[in-house]
C-alpha atoms as a PDB file:
ATOM      1  CA  UNK A   1      30.256 -13.649 -25.268  1.00  0.00           C
ATOM      2  CA  UNK A   2      27.767 -12.744 -22.562  1.00  0.00           C
ATOM      3  CA  UNK A   3      28.688 -10.846 -19.452  1.00  0.00           C
ATOM      4  CA  UNK A   4      28.617 -12.961 -16.295  1.00  0.00           C
ATOM      5  CA  UNK A   5      25.397 -12.741 -14.335  1.00  0.00           C
ATOM      6  CA  UNK A   6      25.789 -11.455 -10.826  1.00  0.00           C
ATOM      7  CA  UNK A   7      23.422 -12.212  -7.940  1.00  0.00           C
ATOM      8  CA  UNK A   8      22.518  -8.524  -7.693  1.00  0.00           C
ATOM      9  CA  UNK A   9      20.738  -8.477 -11.077  1.00  0.00           C
ATOM     10  CA  UNK A  10      17.031  -7.825 -10.618  1.00  0.00           C
ATOM     11  CA  UNK A  11      16.244  -9.962 -13.681  1.00  0.00           C
ATOM     12  CA  UNK A  12      17.429 -13.087 -11.872  1.00  0.00           C
ATOM     13  CA  UNK A  13      14.782 -12.698  -9.210  1.00  0.00           C
ATOM     14  CA  UNK A  14      12.086 -12.068 -11.803  1.00  0.00           C
ATOM     15  CA  UNK A  15      13.061 -15.177 -13.803  1.00  0.00           C
ATOM     16  CA  UNK A  16      13.246 -17.278 -10.669  1.00  0.00           C
ATOM     17  CA  UNK A  17       9.846 -16.070  -9.489  1.00  0.00           C
ATOM     18  CA  UNK A  18       8.193 -16.667 -12.851  1.00  0.00           C
ATOM     19  CA  UNK A  19       9.549 -20.200 -13.060  1.00  0.00           C
ATOM     20  CA  UNK A  20       8.273 -21.225  -9.643  1.00  0.00           C
ATOM     21  CA  UNK A  21       5.024 -19.300  -9.939  1.00  0.00           C
ATOM     22  CA  UNK A  22       4.013 -21.346 -12.996  1.00  0.00           C
ATOM     23  CA  UNK A  23       4.412 -24.756 -11.385  1.00  0.00           C
ATOM     24  CA  UNK A  24       1.065 -24.974  -9.545  1.00  0.00           C
ATOM     25  CA  UNK A  25      -0.778 -23.890 -12.710  1.00  0.00           C
ATOM     26  CA  UNK A  26       0.862 -26.518 -14.905  1.00  0.00           C
ATOM     27  CA  UNK A  27      -1.392 -29.428 -15.909  1.00  0.00           C
ATOM     28  CA  UNK A  28      -0.345 -32.917 -14.801  1.00  0.00           C
ATOM     29  CA  UNK A  29       1.893 -34.698 -17.298  1.00  0.00           C
ATOM     30  CA  UNK A  30       2.696 -38.346 -17.959  1.00  0.00           C
ATOM     31  CA  UNK A  31       2.448 -40.731 -15.033  1.00  0.00           C
ATOM     32  CA  UNK A  32       1.012 -38.003 -12.842  1.00  0.00           C
ATOM     33  CA  UNK A  33      -2.036 -37.843 -15.142  1.00  0.00           C
ATOM     34  CA  UNK A  34      -2.592 -41.588 -14.827  1.00  0.00           C
ATOM     35  CA  UNK A  35      -2.175 -41.611 -11.055  1.00  0.00           C
ATOM     36  CA  UNK A  36      -4.501 -38.666 -10.502  1.00  0.00           C
ATOM     37  CA  UNK A  37      -7.295 -40.264 -12.524  1.00  0.00           C
ATOM     38  CA  UNK A  38      -9.860 -41.899 -10.245  1.00  0.00           C
ATOM     39  CA  UNK A  39      -7.739 -41.115  -7.161  1.00  0.00           C
ATOM     40  CA  UNK A  40      -5.143 -43.818  -7.879  1.00  0.00           C
ATOM     41  CA  UNK A  41      -2.488 -41.664  -6.277  1.00  0.00           C
ATOM     42  CA  UNK A  42      -4.257 -41.913  -2.935  1.00  0.00           C
ATOM     43  CA  UNK A  43      -4.386 -45.695  -3.264  1.00  0.00           C
ATOM     44  CA  UNK A  44      -0.638 -45.813  -3.815  1.00  0.00           C
ATOM     45  CA  UNK A  45      -0.045 -43.512  -0.846  1.00  0.00           C
ATOM     46  CA  UNK A  46      -2.272 -45.694   1.334  1.00  0.00           C
ATOM     47  CA  UNK A  47      -0.426 -48.861   0.301  1.00  0.00           C
ATOM     48  CA  UNK A  48       2.954 -47.261   1.028  1.00  0.00           C
ATOM     49  CA  UNK A  49       1.672 -46.083   4.407  1.00  0.00           C
ATOM     50  CA  UNK A  50       0.438 -49.597   5.258  1.00  0.00           C
ATOM     51  CA  UNK A  51       3.819 -51.049   4.298  1.00  0.00           C
ATOM     52  CA  UNK A  52       5.627 -48.528   6.538  1.00  0.00           C
ATOM     53  CA  UNK A  53       3.316 -49.363   9.455  1.00  0.00           C
ATOM     54  CA  UNK A  54       4.009 -53.066   8.874  1.00  0.00           C
ATOM     55  CA  UNK A  55       7.762 -52.515   8.904  1.00  0.00           C
ATOM     56  CA  UNK A  56       7.556 -50.416  12.077  1.00  0.00           C
ATOM     57  CA  UNK A  57       5.337 -53.026  13.770  1.00  0.00           C
ATOM     58  CA  UNK A  58       7.778 -55.788  12.805  1.00  0.00           C
ATOM     59  CA  UNK A  59      10.753 -53.816  14.171  1.00  0.00           C
ATOM     60  CA  UNK A  60       8.931 -52.980  17.409  1.00  0.00           C
ATOM     61  CA  UNK A  61       7.861 -56.597  17.925  1.00  0.00           C
ATOM     62  CA  UNK A  62      11.364 -57.911  17.181  1.00  0.00           C
ATOM     63  CA  UNK A  63      12.898 -55.425  19.618  1.00  0.00           C
ATOM     64  CA  UNK A  64      10.517 -56.517  22.368  1.00  0.00           C
ATOM     65  CA  UNK A  65      11.271 -60.184  21.726  1.00  0.00           C
ATOM     66  CA  UNK A  66      15.020 -59.560  21.818  1.00  0.00           C
ATOM     67  CA  UNK A  67      14.690 -57.597  25.051  1.00  0.00           C
ATOM     68  CA  UNK A  68      12.734 -60.475  26.569  1.00  0.00           C
ATOM     69  CA  UNK A  69      15.380 -62.997  25.467  1.00  0.00           C
ATOM     70  CA  UNK A  70      18.133 -60.819  26.919  1.00  0.00           C
ATOM     71  CA  UNK A  71      16.271 -60.611  30.227  1.00  0.00           C
ATOM     72  CA  UNK A  72      15.817 -64.393  30.235  1.00  0.00           C
ATOM     73  CA  UNK A  73      19.532 -64.922  29.590  1.00  0.00           C
ATOM     74  CA  UNK A  74      20.485 -62.488  32.357  1.00  0.00           C
ATOM     75  CA  UNK A  75      18.153 -64.244  34.831  1.00  0.00           C
ATOM     76  CA  UNK A  76      19.539 -67.722  34.110  1.00  0.00           C
ATOM     77  CA  UNK A  77      21.985 -69.191  36.595  1.00  0.00           C
ATOM     78  CA  UNK A  78      25.510 -69.596  35.267  1.00  0.00           C
ATOM     79  CA  UNK A  79      26.459 -73.129  34.215  1.00  0.00           C
ATOM     80  CA  UNK A  80      29.967 -74.478  34.302  1.00  0.00           C
ATOM     81  CA  UNK A  81      31.334 -75.923  31.106  1.00  0.00           C
ATOM     82  CA  UNK A  82      32.000 -79.653  31.439  1.00  0.00           C
ATOM     83  CA  UNK A  83      33.286 -80.284  27.945  1.00  0.00           C
ATOM     84  CA  UNK A  84      37.006 -80.573  28.662  1.00  0.00           C
ATOM     85  CA  UNK A  85      37.007 -81.602  32.325  1.00  0.00           C
END
């Protein structure tokens, strides 16, 4: 059975550093390879950005319309209900 590893071991830091240091040098794998060919990744990012702008525009426009309707309702004179009288 192995002895438990404590956070004070200097080998932990070396292993951690070597794992993260190798990531930028690793070649793209799988879907990343396909998306990086011919700058497809940037097309996907642009489409996602356009969708987010569309959603934000829709929310902003809906908020303005609701605020205008609320102002119109507040400015209306009160009517008495004549249903039961």
